[in-house]
Amino acid sequence: MKNTSYHNFFMNFANKTKLDIILALKEKPLSVNEISEKINEEQSKVSHNLKALKTCHILDMERKGKKRIYSLNKETALAILNIVEKHVKKNCPFRCEKCKKK
C-alpha cells in the first residue's frame, strides 16, 4: 500500500501537464482559465488534471463566487518543490547530459 501511495504521489510530478500546473501555482493561486492560459493547455485538460492533483491533496481549492481558485498545498507540495529547487541548484546544472541540452 505504501509503495502504491508513493508511486501515485510522485507520478503527479512526473506528468508534464500536472507539473506545469504545479509550477504555475507556485507563484500564486489561480483559476482554471488562468492556469490554462499560463501553461497554454486546453481548459478541459487542465480541469481533468486539477481533479487528480486535488484528489491527491497536492492542491487546495477555494470558491470565490463562481470561480474555483487553486493553490498548492503549502504544508507538503510547496515544501517538496523548495527541496527539489535546492537540490537542482546544487547538483543538477551542467552535471548531466539532459541538463546541458535544456
PDB file of N, CA and C in Angstrom:
ATOM      1  N   MET A   1       0.825  -1.197   0.000  1.00  0.00           N
ATOM      2  CA  MET A   1       0.000   0.000   0.000  1.00  0.00           C
ATOM      3  C   MET A   1       0.862   1.250   0.000  1.00  0.00           C
ATOM      4  N   LYS A   2       1.882   1.291   0.836  1.00  0.00           N
ATOM      5  CA  LYS A   2       2.741   2.458   0.951  1.00  0.00           C
ATOM      6  C   LYS A   2       3.429   2.765  -0.379  1.00  0.00           C
ATOM      7  N   ASN A   3       3.982   1.740  -1.032  1.00  0.00           N
ATOM      8  CA  ASN A   3       4.656   1.952  -2.310  1.00  0.00           C
ATOM      9  C   ASN A   3       3.703   2.495  -3.363  1.00  0.00           C
ATOM     10  N   THR A   4       2.481   2.000  -3.372  1.00  0.00           N
ATOM     11  CA  THR A   4       1.481   2.480  -4.328  1.00  0.00           C
ATOM     12  C   THR A   4       1.174   3.954  -4.073  1.00  0.00           C
ATOM     13  N   SER A   5       1.037   4.337  -2.827  1.00  0.00           N
ATOM     14  CA  SER A   5       0.775   5.740  -2.487  1.00  0.00           C
ATOM     15  C   SER A   5       1.938   6.626  -2.920  1.00  0.00           C
ATOM     16  N   TYR A   6       3.162   6.180  -2.668  1.00  0.00           N
ATOM     17  CA  TYR A   6       4.339   6.949  -3.089  1.00  0.00           C
ATOM     18  C   TYR A   6       4.353   7.087  -4.606  1.00  0.00           C
ATOM     19  N   HIS A   7       4.107   5.978  -5.271  1.00  0.00           N
ATOM     20  CA  HIS A   7       4.103   5.980  -6.736  1.00  0.00           C
ATOM     21  C   HIS A   7       3.067   6.972  -7.264  1.00  0.00           C
ATOM     22  N   ASN A   8       1.854   6.892  -6.760  1.00  0.00           N
ATOM     23  CA  ASN A   8       0.789   7.790  -7.214  1.00  0.00           C
ATOM     24  C   ASN A   8       1.138   9.247  -6.938  1.00  0.00           C
ATOM     25  N   PHE A   9       1.704   9.508  -5.776  1.00  0.00           N
ATOM     26  CA  PHE A   9       2.084  10.879  -5.428  1.00  0.00           C
ATOM     27  C   PHE A   9       3.119  11.422  -6.412  1.00  0.00           C
ATOM     28  N   PHE A  10       4.194  10.683  -6.622  1.00  0.00           N
ATOM     29  CA  PHE A  10       5.268  11.178  -7.478  1.00  0.00           C
ATOM     30  C   PHE A  10       4.913  11.165  -8.958  1.00  0.00           C
ATOM     31  N   MET A  11       3.959  10.345  -9.357  1.00  0.00           N
ATOM     32  CA  MET A  11       3.505  10.366 -10.753  1.00  0.00           C
ATOM     33  C   MET A  11       2.874  11.715 -11.094  1.00  0.00           C
ATOM     34  N   ASN A  12       2.292  12.385 -10.124  1.00  0.00           N
ATOM     35  CA  ASN A  12       1.754  13.717 -10.361  1.00  0.00           C
ATOM     36  C   ASN A  12       2.853  14.697 -10.754  1.00  0.00           C
ATOM     37  N   PHE A  13       4.025  14.547 -10.189  1.00  0.00           N
ATOM     38  CA  PHE A  13       5.147  15.427 -10.507  1.00  0.00           C
ATOM     39  C   PHE A  13       5.858  14.995 -11.781  1.00  0.00           C
ATOM     40  N   ALA A  14       5.678  13.741 -12.178  1.00  0.00           N
ATOM     41  CA  ALA A  14       6.326  13.216 -13.380  1.00  0.00           C
ATOM     42  C   ALA A  14       5.534  13.516 -14.650  1.00  0.00           C
ATOM     43  N   ASN A  15       4.256  13.817 -14.511  1.00  0.00           N
ATOM     44  CA  ASN A  15       3.406  14.132 -15.659  1.00  0.00           C
ATOM     45  C   ASN A  15       3.615  15.594 -16.052  1.00  0.00           C
ATOM     46  N   LYS A  16       3.932  15.849 -17.324  1.00  0.00           N
ATOM     47  CA  LYS A  16       4.272  17.204 -17.769  1.00  0.00           C
ATOM     48  C   LYS A  16       3.160  18.207 -17.498  1.00  0.00           C
ATOM     49  N   THR A  17       1.936  17.893 -17.846  1.00  0.00           N
ATOM     50  CA  THR A  17       0.834  18.839 -17.641  1.00  0.00           C
ATOM     51  C   THR A  17       0.622  19.116 -16.159  1.00  0.00           C
ATOM     52  N   LYS A  18       0.644  18.075 -15.355  1.00  0.00           N
ATOM     53  CA  LYS A  18       0.452  18.266 -13.916  1.00  0.00           C
ATOM     54  C   LYS A  18       1.596  19.072 -13.319  1.00  0.00           C
ATOM     55  N   LEU A  19       2.815  18.793 -13.748  1.00  0.00           N
ATOM     56  CA  LEU A  19       3.961  19.554 -13.242  1.00  0.00           C
ATOM     57  C   LEU A  19       3.866  21.013 -13.679  1.00  0.00           C
ATOM     58  N   ASP A  20       3.445  21.261 -14.917  1.00  0.00           N
ATOM     59  CA  ASP A  20       3.255  22.642 -15.381  1.00  0.00           C
ATOM     60  C   ASP A  20       2.233  23.367 -14.502  1.00  0.00           C
ATOM     61  N   ILE A  21       1.157  22.680 -14.154  1.00  0.00           N
ATOM     62  CA  ILE A  21       0.135  23.264 -13.273  1.00  0.00           C
ATOM     63  C   ILE A  21       0.735  23.563 -11.900  1.00  0.00           C
ATOM     64  N   ILE A  22       1.444  22.602 -11.346  1.00  0.00           N
ATOM     65  CA  ILE A  22       2.065  22.764 -10.029  1.00  0.00           C
ATOM     66  C   ILE A  22       3.017  23.959 -10.037  1.00  0.00           C
ATOM     67  N   LEU A  23       3.852  24.054 -11.061  1.00  0.00           N
ATOM     68  CA  LEU A  23       4.816  25.154 -11.123  1.00  0.00           C
ATOM     69  C   LEU A  23       4.126  26.498 -11.336  1.00  0.00           C
ATOM     70  N   ALA A  24       3.042  26.520 -12.097  1.00  0.00           N
ATOM     71  CA  ALA A  24       2.285  27.762 -12.286  1.00  0.00           C
ATOM     72  C   ALA A  24       1.699  28.230 -10.954  1.00  0.00           C
ATOM     73  N   LEU A  25       1.244  27.289 -10.157  1.00  0.00           N
ATOM     74  CA  LEU A  25       0.639  27.631  -8.872  1.00  0.00           C
ATOM     75  C   LEU A  25       1.669  27.952  -7.799  1.00  0.00           C
ATOM     76  N   LYS A  26       2.932  27.677  -8.078  1.00  0.00           N
ATOM     77  CA  LYS A  26       3.984  28.015  -7.117  1.00  0.00           C
ATOM     78  C   LYS A  26       4.059  29.530  -6.942  1.00  0.00           C
ATOM     79  N   GLU A  27       3.784  30.249  -8.018  1.00  0.00           N
ATOM     80  CA  GLU A  27       3.851  31.712  -7.974  1.00  0.00           C
ATOM     81  C   GLU A  27       2.692  32.321  -7.202  1.00  0.00           C
ATOM     82  N   LYS A  28       1.453  31.841  -7.495  1.00  0.00           N
ATOM     83  CA  LYS A  28       0.277  32.381  -6.820  1.00  0.00           C
ATOM     84  C   LYS A  28      -0.933  31.520  -7.151  1.00  0.00           C
ATOM     85  N   PRO A  29      -1.997  31.604  -6.345  1.00  0.00           N
ATOM     86  CA  PRO A  29      -3.241  30.888  -6.641  1.00  0.00           C
ATOM     87  C   PRO A  29      -3.855  31.397  -7.945  1.00  0.00           C
ATOM     88  N   LEU A  30      -4.471  30.476  -8.697  1.00  0.00           N
ATOM     89  CA  LEU A  30      -5.047  30.815  -9.999  1.00  0.00           C
ATOM     90  C   LEU A  30      -6.347  30.059 -10.231  1.00  0.00           C
ATOM     91  N   SER A  31      -7.170  30.608 -11.122  1.00  0.00           N
ATOM     92  CA  SER A  31      -8.384  29.921 -11.562  1.00  0.00           C
ATOM     93  C   SER A  31      -8.030  28.954 -12.689  1.00  0.00           C
ATOM     94  N   VAL A  32      -8.975  28.110 -13.066  1.00  0.00           N
ATOM     95  CA  VAL A  32      -8.758  27.153 -14.159  1.00  0.00           C
ATOM     96  C   VAL A  32      -8.376  27.885 -15.442  1.00  0.00           C
ATOM     97  N   ASN A  33      -9.098  28.941 -15.777  1.00  0.00           N
ATOM     98  CA  ASN A  33      -8.803  29.677 -17.004  1.00  0.00           C
ATOM     99  C   ASN A  33      -7.432  30.333 -16.958  1.00  0.00           C
ATOM    100  N   GLU A  34      -7.058  30.865 -15.812  1.00  0.00           N
ATOM    101  CA  GLU A  34      -5.730  31.482 -15.676  1.00  0.00           C
ATOM    102  C   GLU A  34      -4.632  30.435 -15.831  1.00  0.00           C
ATOM    103  N   ILE A  35      -4.847  29.261 -15.257  1.00  0.00           N
ATOM    104  CA  ILE A  35      -3.869  28.175 -15.397  1.00  0.00           C
ATOM    105  C   ILE A  35      -3.770  27.761 -16.862  1.00  0.00           C
ATOM    106  N   SER A  36      -4.915  27.600 -17.516  1.00  0.00           N
ATOM    107  CA  SER A  36      -4.940  27.204 -18.934  1.00  0.00           C
ATOM    108  C   SER A  36      -4.134  28.168 -19.788  1.00  0.00           C
ATOM    109  N   GLU A  37      -4.340  29.453 -19.567  1.00  0.00           N
ATOM    110  CA  GLU A  37      -3.596  30.468 -20.323  1.00  0.00           C
ATOM    111  C   GLU A  37      -2.107  30.397 -20.011  1.00  0.00           C
ATOM    112  N   LYS A  38      -1.786  30.295 -18.745  1.00  0.00           N
ATOM    113  CA  LYS A  38      -0.383  30.322 -18.310  1.00  0.00           C
ATOM    114  C   LYS A  38       0.420  29.146 -18.862  1.00  0.00           C
ATOM    115  N   ILE A  39      -0.195  27.958 -18.897  1.00  0.00           N
ATOM    116  CA  ILE A  39       0.555  26.786 -19.368  1.00  0.00           C
ATOM    117  C   ILE A  39       0.216  26.421 -20.812  1.00  0.00           C
ATOM    118  N   ASN A  40      -0.659  27.216 -21.426  1.00  0.00           N
ATOM    119  CA  ASN A  40      -1.022  27.030 -22.841  1.00  0.00           C
ATOM    120  C   ASN A  40      -1.601  25.636 -23.114  1.00  0.00           C
ATOM    121  N   GLU A  41      -2.594  25.270 -22.307  1.00  0.00           N
ATOM    122  CA  GLU A  41      -3.294  23.989 -22.475  1.00  0.00           C
ATOM    123  C   GLU A  41      -4.799  24.247 -22.495  1.00  0.00           C
ATOM    124  N   GLU A  42      -5.541  23.321 -23.088  1.00  0.00           N
ATOM    125  CA  GLU A  42      -6.992  23.424 -23.123  1.00  0.00           C
ATOM    126  C   GLU A  42      -7.563  23.348 -21.708  1.00  0.00           C
ATOM    127  N   GLN A  43      -8.624  24.108 -21.494  1.00  0.00           N
ATOM    128  CA  GLN A  43      -9.251  24.173 -20.183  1.00  0.00           C
ATOM    129  C   GLN A  43      -9.728  22.804 -19.713  1.00  0.00           C
ATOM    130  N   SER A  44     -10.264  21.992 -20.626  1.00  0.00           N
ATOM    131  CA  SER A  44     -10.764  20.668 -20.240  1.00  0.00           C
ATOM    132  C   SER A  44      -9.625  19.767 -19.750  1.00  0.00           C
ATOM    133  N   LYS A  45      -8.478  19.849 -20.403  1.00  0.00           N
ATOM    134  CA  LYS A  45      -7.313  19.054 -19.995  1.00  0.00           C
ATOM    135  C   LYS A  45      -6.810  19.520 -18.624  1.00  0.00           C
ATOM    136  N   VAL A  46      -6.773  20.832 -18.432  1.00  0.00           N
ATOM    137  CA  VAL A  46      -6.341  21.383 -17.151  1.00  0.00           C
ATOM    138  C   VAL A  46      -7.306  20.951 -16.045  1.00  0.00           C
ATOM    139  N   SER A  47      -8.601  21.059 -16.300  1.00  0.00           N
ATOM    140  CA  SER A  47      -9.599  20.664 -15.302  1.00  0.00           C
ATOM    141  C   SER A  47      -9.445  19.202 -14.905  1.00  0.00           C
ATOM    142  N   HIS A  48      -9.236  18.348 -15.884  1.00  0.00           N
ATOM    143  CA  HIS A  48      -9.046  16.918 -15.619  1.00  0.00           C
ATOM    144  C   HIS A  48      -7.837  16.700 -14.704  1.00  0.00           C
ATOM    145  N   ASN A  49      -6.744  17.372 -14.994  1.00  0.00           N
ATOM    146  CA  ASN A  49      -5.528  17.212 -14.196  1.00  0.00           C
ATOM    147  C   ASN A  49      -5.660  17.867 -12.822  1.00  0.00           C
ATOM    148  N   LEU A  50      -6.392  18.969 -12.736  1.00  0.00           N
ATOM    149  CA  LEU A  50      -6.622  19.603 -11.440  1.00  0.00           C
ATOM    150  C   LEU A  50      -7.365  18.656 -10.504  1.00  0.00           C
ATOM    151  N   LYS A  51      -8.319  17.937 -11.046  1.00  0.00           N
ATOM    152  CA  LYS A  51      -9.090  16.990 -10.229  1.00  0.00           C
ATOM    153  C   LYS A  51      -8.162  15.936  -9.615  1.00  0.00           C
ATOM    154  N   ALA A  52      -7.261  15.401 -10.419  1.00  0.00           N
ATOM    155  CA  ALA A  52      -6.329  14.383  -9.919  1.00  0.00           C
ATOM    156  C   ALA A  52      -5.390  14.972  -8.860  1.00  0.00           C
ATOM    157  N   LEU A  53      -4.904  16.179  -9.097  1.00  0.00           N
ATOM    158  CA  LEU A  53      -3.999  16.821  -8.138  1.00  0.00           C
ATOM    159  C   LEU A  53      -4.718  17.150  -6.832  1.00  0.00           C
ATOM    160  N   LYS A  54      -5.967  17.524  -6.936  1.00  0.00           N
ATOM    161  CA  LYS A  54      -6.760  17.835  -5.740  1.00  0.00           C
ATOM    162  C   LYS A  54      -7.067  16.551  -4.963  1.00  0.00           C
ATOM    163  N   THR A  55      -7.373  15.482  -5.677  1.00  0.00           N
ATOM    164  CA  THR A  55      -7.660  14.201  -5.030  1.00  0.00           C
ATOM    165  C   THR A  55      -6.465  13.727  -4.210  1.00  0.00           C
ATOM    166  N   CYS A  56      -5.271  13.986  -4.703  1.00  0.00           N
ATOM    167  CA  CYS A  56      -4.043  13.582  -4.019  1.00  0.00           C
ATOM    168  C   CYS A  56      -3.603  14.626  -2.974  1.00  0.00           C
ATOM    169  N   HIS A  57      -4.393  15.678  -2.816  1.00  0.00           N
ATOM    170  CA  HIS A  57      -4.134  16.751  -1.852  1.00  0.00           C
ATOM    171  C   HIS A  57      -2.840  17.511  -2.121  1.00  0.00           C
ATOM    172  N   ILE A  58      -2.446  17.553  -3.384  1.00  0.00           N
ATOM    173  CA  ILE A  58      -1.309  18.380  -3.778  1.00  0.00           C
ATOM    174  C   ILE A  58      -1.790  19.830  -3.914  1.00  0.00           C
ATOM    175  N   LEU A  59      -3.063  19.982  -4.268  1.00  0.00           N
ATOM    176  CA  LEU A  59      -3.667  21.302  -4.412  1.00  0.00           C
ATOM    177  C   LEU A  59      -4.796  21.486  -3.420  1.00  0.00           C
ATOM    178  N   ASP A  60      -5.026  22.744  -3.107  1.00  0.00           N
ATOM    179  CA  ASP A  60      -6.205  23.147  -2.348  1.00  0.00           C
ATOM    180  C   ASP A  60      -7.085  23.951  -3.288  1.00  0.00           C
ATOM    181  N   MET A  61      -8.379  23.979  -3.029  1.00  0.00           N
ATOM    182  CA  MET A  61      -9.304  24.733  -3.868  1.00  0.00           C
ATOM    183  C   MET A  61     -10.224  25.550  -2.975  1.00  0.00           C
ATOM    184  N   GLU A  62     -10.445  26.802  -3.388  1.00  0.00           N
ATOM    185  CA  GLU A  62     -11.330  27.705  -2.654  1.00  0.00           C
ATOM    186  C   GLU A  62     -12.294  28.341  -3.649  1.00  0.00           C
ATOM    187  N   ARG A  63     -13.539  28.428  -3.282  1.00  0.00           N
ATOM    188  CA  ARG A  63     -14.536  29.076  -4.155  1.00  0.00           C
ATOM    189  C   ARG A  63     -14.563  30.574  -3.866  1.00  0.00           C
ATOM    190  N   LYS A  64     -14.508  31.350  -4.956  1.00  0.00           N
ATOM    191  CA  LYS A  64     -14.693  32.799  -4.860  1.00  0.00           C
ATOM    192  C   LYS A  64     -15.775  33.157  -5.856  1.00  0.00           C
ATOM    193  N   GLY A  65     -16.995  33.277  -5.366  1.00  0.00           N
ATOM    194  CA  GLY A  65     -18.131  33.463  -6.261  1.00  0.00           C
ATOM    195  C   GLY A  65     -18.323  32.200  -7.072  1.00  0.00           C
ATOM    196  N   LYS A  66     -18.345  32.339  -8.385  1.00  0.00           N
ATOM    197  CA  LYS A  66     -18.497  31.176  -9.265  1.00  0.00           C
ATOM    198  C   LYS A  66     -17.156  30.545  -9.622  1.00  0.00           C
ATOM    199  N   LYS A  67     -16.060  31.239  -9.316  1.00  0.00           N
ATOM    200  CA  LYS A  67     -14.728  30.731  -9.661  1.00  0.00           C
ATOM    201  C   LYS A  67     -14.200  29.782  -8.600  1.00  0.00           C
ATOM    202  N   ARG A  68     -13.407  28.866  -9.075  1.00  0.00           N
ATOM    203  CA  ARG A  68     -12.639  27.991  -8.184  1.00  0.00           C
ATOM    204  C   ARG A  68     -11.189  28.431  -8.299  1.00  0.00           C
ATOM    205  N   ILE A  69     -10.598  28.751  -7.181  1.00  0.00           N
ATOM    206  CA  ILE A  69      -9.213  29.206  -7.156  1.00  0.00           C
ATOM    207  C   ILE A  69      -8.366  28.091  -6.550  1.00  0.00           C
ATOM    208  N   TYR A  70      -7.348  27.695  -7.296  1.00  0.00           N
ATOM    209  CA  TYR A  70      -6.473  26.598  -6.878  1.00  0.00           C
ATOM    210  C   TYR A  70      -5.156  27.151  -6.347  1.00  0.00           C
ATOM    211  N   SER A  71      -4.634  26.484  -5.335  1.00  0.00           N
ATOM    212  CA  SER A  71      -3.337  26.841  -4.770  1.00  0.00           C
ATOM    213  C   SER A  71      -2.621  25.558  -4.358  1.00  0.00           C
ATOM    214  N   LEU A  72      -1.318  25.660  -4.204  1.00  0.00           N
ATOM    215  CA  LEU A  72      -0.543  24.498  -3.762  1.00  0.00           C
ATOM    216  C   LEU A  72      -0.790  24.234  -2.287  1.00  0.00           C
ATOM    217  N   ASN A  73      -0.759  22.981  -1.928  1.00  0.00           N
ATOM    218  CA  ASN A  73      -0.787  22.592  -0.527  1.00  0.00           C
ATOM    219  C   ASN A  73       0.548  23.058   0.060  1.00  0.00           C
ATOM    220  N   LYS A  74       0.496  24.115   0.841  1.00  0.00           N
ATOM    221  CA  LYS A  74       1.719  24.738   1.365  1.00  0.00           C
ATOM    222  C   LYS A  74       2.503  23.819   2.295  1.00  0.00           C
ATOM    223  N   GLU A  75       1.788  23.009   3.031  1.00  0.00           N
ATOM    224  CA  GLU A  75       2.429  22.142   4.022  1.00  0.00           C
ATOM    225  C   GLU A  75       3.286  21.060   3.368  1.00  0.00           C
ATOM    226  N   THR A  76       2.824  20.520   2.245  1.00  0.00           N
ATOM    227  CA  THR A  76       3.556  19.401   1.652  1.00  0.00           C
ATOM    228  C   THR A  76       4.098  19.711   0.257  1.00  0.00           C
ATOM    229  N   ALA A  77       3.245  20.053  -0.682  1.00  0.00           N
ATOM    230  CA  ALA A  77       3.686  20.223  -2.072  1.00  0.00           C
ATOM    231  C   ALA A  77       4.682  21.370  -2.217  1.00  0.00           C
ATOM    232  N   LEU A  78       4.404  22.496  -1.591  1.00  0.00           N
ATOM    233  CA  LEU A  78       5.322  23.627  -1.688  1.00  0.00           C
ATOM    234  C   LEU A  78       6.648  23.302  -1.021  1.00  0.00           C
ATOM    235  N   ALA A  79       6.585  22.609   0.102  1.00  0.00           N
ATOM    236  CA  ALA A  79       7.814  22.202   0.795  1.00  0.00           C
ATOM    237  C   ALA A  79       8.662  21.278  -0.085  1.00  0.00           C
ATOM    238  N   ILE A  80       8.011  20.350  -0.771  1.00  0.00           N
ATOM    239  CA  ILE A  80       8.731  19.436  -1.665  1.00  0.00           C
ATOM    240  C   ILE A  80       9.364  20.210  -2.820  1.00  0.00           C
ATOM    241  N   LEU A  81       8.634  21.139  -3.404  1.00  0.00           N
ATOM    242  CA  LEU A  81       9.192  21.942  -4.502  1.00  0.00           C
ATOM    243  C   LEU A  81      10.403  22.740  -4.051  1.00  0.00           C
ATOM    244  N   ASN A  82      10.357  23.270  -2.847  1.00  0.00           N
ATOM    245  CA  ASN A  82      11.504  24.016  -2.329  1.00  0.00           C
ATOM    246  C   ASN A  82      12.721  23.123  -2.139  1.00  0.00           C
ATOM    247  N   ILE A  83      12.498  21.899  -1.669  1.00  0.00           N
ATOM    248  CA  ILE A  83      13.604  20.939  -1.512  1.00  0.00           C
ATOM    249  C   ILE A  83      14.176  20.569  -2.878  1.00  0.00           C
ATOM    250  N   VAL A  84      13.306  20.311  -3.845  1.00  0.00           N
ATOM    251  CA  VAL A  84      13.757  19.957  -5.194  1.00  0.00           C
ATOM    252  C   VAL A  84      14.550  21.116  -5.803  1.00  0.00           C
ATOM    253  N   GLU A  85      14.070  22.338  -5.605  1.00  0.00           N
ATOM    254  CA  GLU A  85      14.775  23.505  -6.146  1.00  0.00           C
ATOM    255  C   GLU A  85      16.182  23.618  -5.565  1.00  0.00           C
ATOM    256  N   LYS A  86      16.319  23.402  -4.259  1.00  0.00           N
ATOM    257  CA  LYS A  86      17.647  23.412  -3.628  1.00  0.00           C
ATOM    258  C   LYS A  86      18.538  22.341  -4.245  1.00  0.00           C
ATOM    259  N   HIS A  87      17.982  21.146  -4.404  1.00  0.00           N
ATOM    260  CA  HIS A  87      18.738  20.036  -4.975  1.00  0.00           C
ATOM    261  C   HIS A  87      19.208  20.362  -6.389  1.00  0.00           C
ATOM    262  N   VAL A  88      18.307  20.873  -7.201  1.00  0.00           N
ATOM    263  CA  VAL A  88      18.628  21.179  -8.590  1.00  0.00           C
ATOM    264  C   VAL A  88      19.711  22.248  -8.663  1.00  0.00           C
ATOM    265  N   LYS A  89      19.576  23.300  -7.874  1.00  0.00           N
ATOM    266  CA  LYS A  89      20.575  24.378  -7.889  1.00  0.00           C
ATOM    267  C   LYS A  89      21.948  23.869  -7.479  1.00  0.00           C
ATOM    268  N   LYS A  90      21.985  22.972  -6.526  1.00  0.00           N
ATOM    269  CA  LYS A  90      23.258  22.470  -6.009  1.00  0.00           C
ATOM    270  C   LYS A  90      23.847  21.367  -6.881  1.00  0.00           C
ATOM    271  N   ASN A  91      23.009  20.483  -7.416  1.00  0.00           N
ATOM    272  CA  ASN A  91      23.524  19.258  -8.019  1.00  0.00           C
ATOM    273  C   ASN A  91      23.293  19.088  -9.513  1.00  0.00           C
ATOM    274  N   CYS A  92      22.375  19.817 -10.095  1.00  0.00           N
ATOM    275  CA  CYS A  92      21.983  19.485 -11.460  1.00  0.00           C
ATOM    276  C   CYS A  92      22.572  20.342 -12.586  1.00  0.00           C
ATOM    277  N   PRO A  93      22.787  21.618 -12.418  1.00  0.00           N
ATOM    278  CA  PRO A  93      23.247  22.395 -13.573  1.00  0.00           C
ATOM    279  C   PRO A  93      24.543  21.843 -14.167  1.00  0.00           C
ATOM    280  N   PHE A  94      24.460  21.496 -15.425  1.00  0.00           N
ATOM    281  CA  PHE A  94      25.623  21.051 -16.210  1.00  0.00           C
ATOM    282  C   PHE A  94      26.306  19.803 -15.663  1.00  0.00           C
ATOM    283  N   ARG A  95      25.625  19.035 -14.835  1.00  0.00           N
ATOM    284  CA  ARG A  95      26.220  17.805 -14.305  1.00  0.00           C
ATOM    285  C   ARG A  95      25.781  16.578 -15.081  1.00  0.00           C
ATOM    286  N   CYS A  96      24.744  16.706 -15.893  1.00  0.00           N
ATOM    287  CA  CYS A  96      24.303  15.564 -16.677  1.00  0.00           C
ATOM    288  C   CYS A  96      23.971  16.014 -18.095  1.00  0.00           C
ATOM    289  N   GLU A  97      23.953  15.086 -19.013  1.00  0.00           N
ATOM    290  CA  GLU A  97      23.708  15.414 -20.431  1.00  0.00           C
ATOM    291  C   GLU A  97      22.330  16.027 -20.651  1.00  0.00           C
ATOM    292  N   LYS A  98      21.312  15.528 -19.940  1.00  0.00           N
ATOM    293  CA  LYS A  98      19.952  16.068 -20.104  1.00  0.00           C
ATOM    294  C   LYS A  98      19.903  17.530 -19.700  1.00  0.00           C
ATOM    295  N   CYS A  99      20.582  17.893 -18.598  1.00  0.00           N
ATOM    296  CA  CYS A  99      20.560  19.285 -18.136  1.00  0.00           C
ATOM    297  C   CYS A  99      21.295  20.195 -19.116  1.00  0.00           C
ATOM    298  N   LYS A 100      22.353  19.704 -19.745  1.00  0.00           N
ATOM    299  CA  LYS A 100      23.126  20.513 -20.684  1.00  0.00           C
ATOM    300  C   LYS A 100      22.307  20.868 -21.911  1.00  0.00           C
ATOM    301  N   LYS A 101      21.390  19.992 -22.308  1.00  0.00           N
ATOM    302  CA  LYS A 101      20.598  20.197 -23.523  1.00  0.00           C
ATOM    303  C   LYS A 101      19.489  21.200 -23.319  1.00  0.00           C
ATOM    304  N   LYS A 102      19.095  21.500 -22.098  1.00  0.00           N
ATOM    305  CA  LYS A 102      17.958  22.394 -21.830  1.00  0.00           C
ATOM    306  C   LYS A 102      18.356  23.817 -21.700  1.00  0.00           C
TER     307      LYS A 102
END
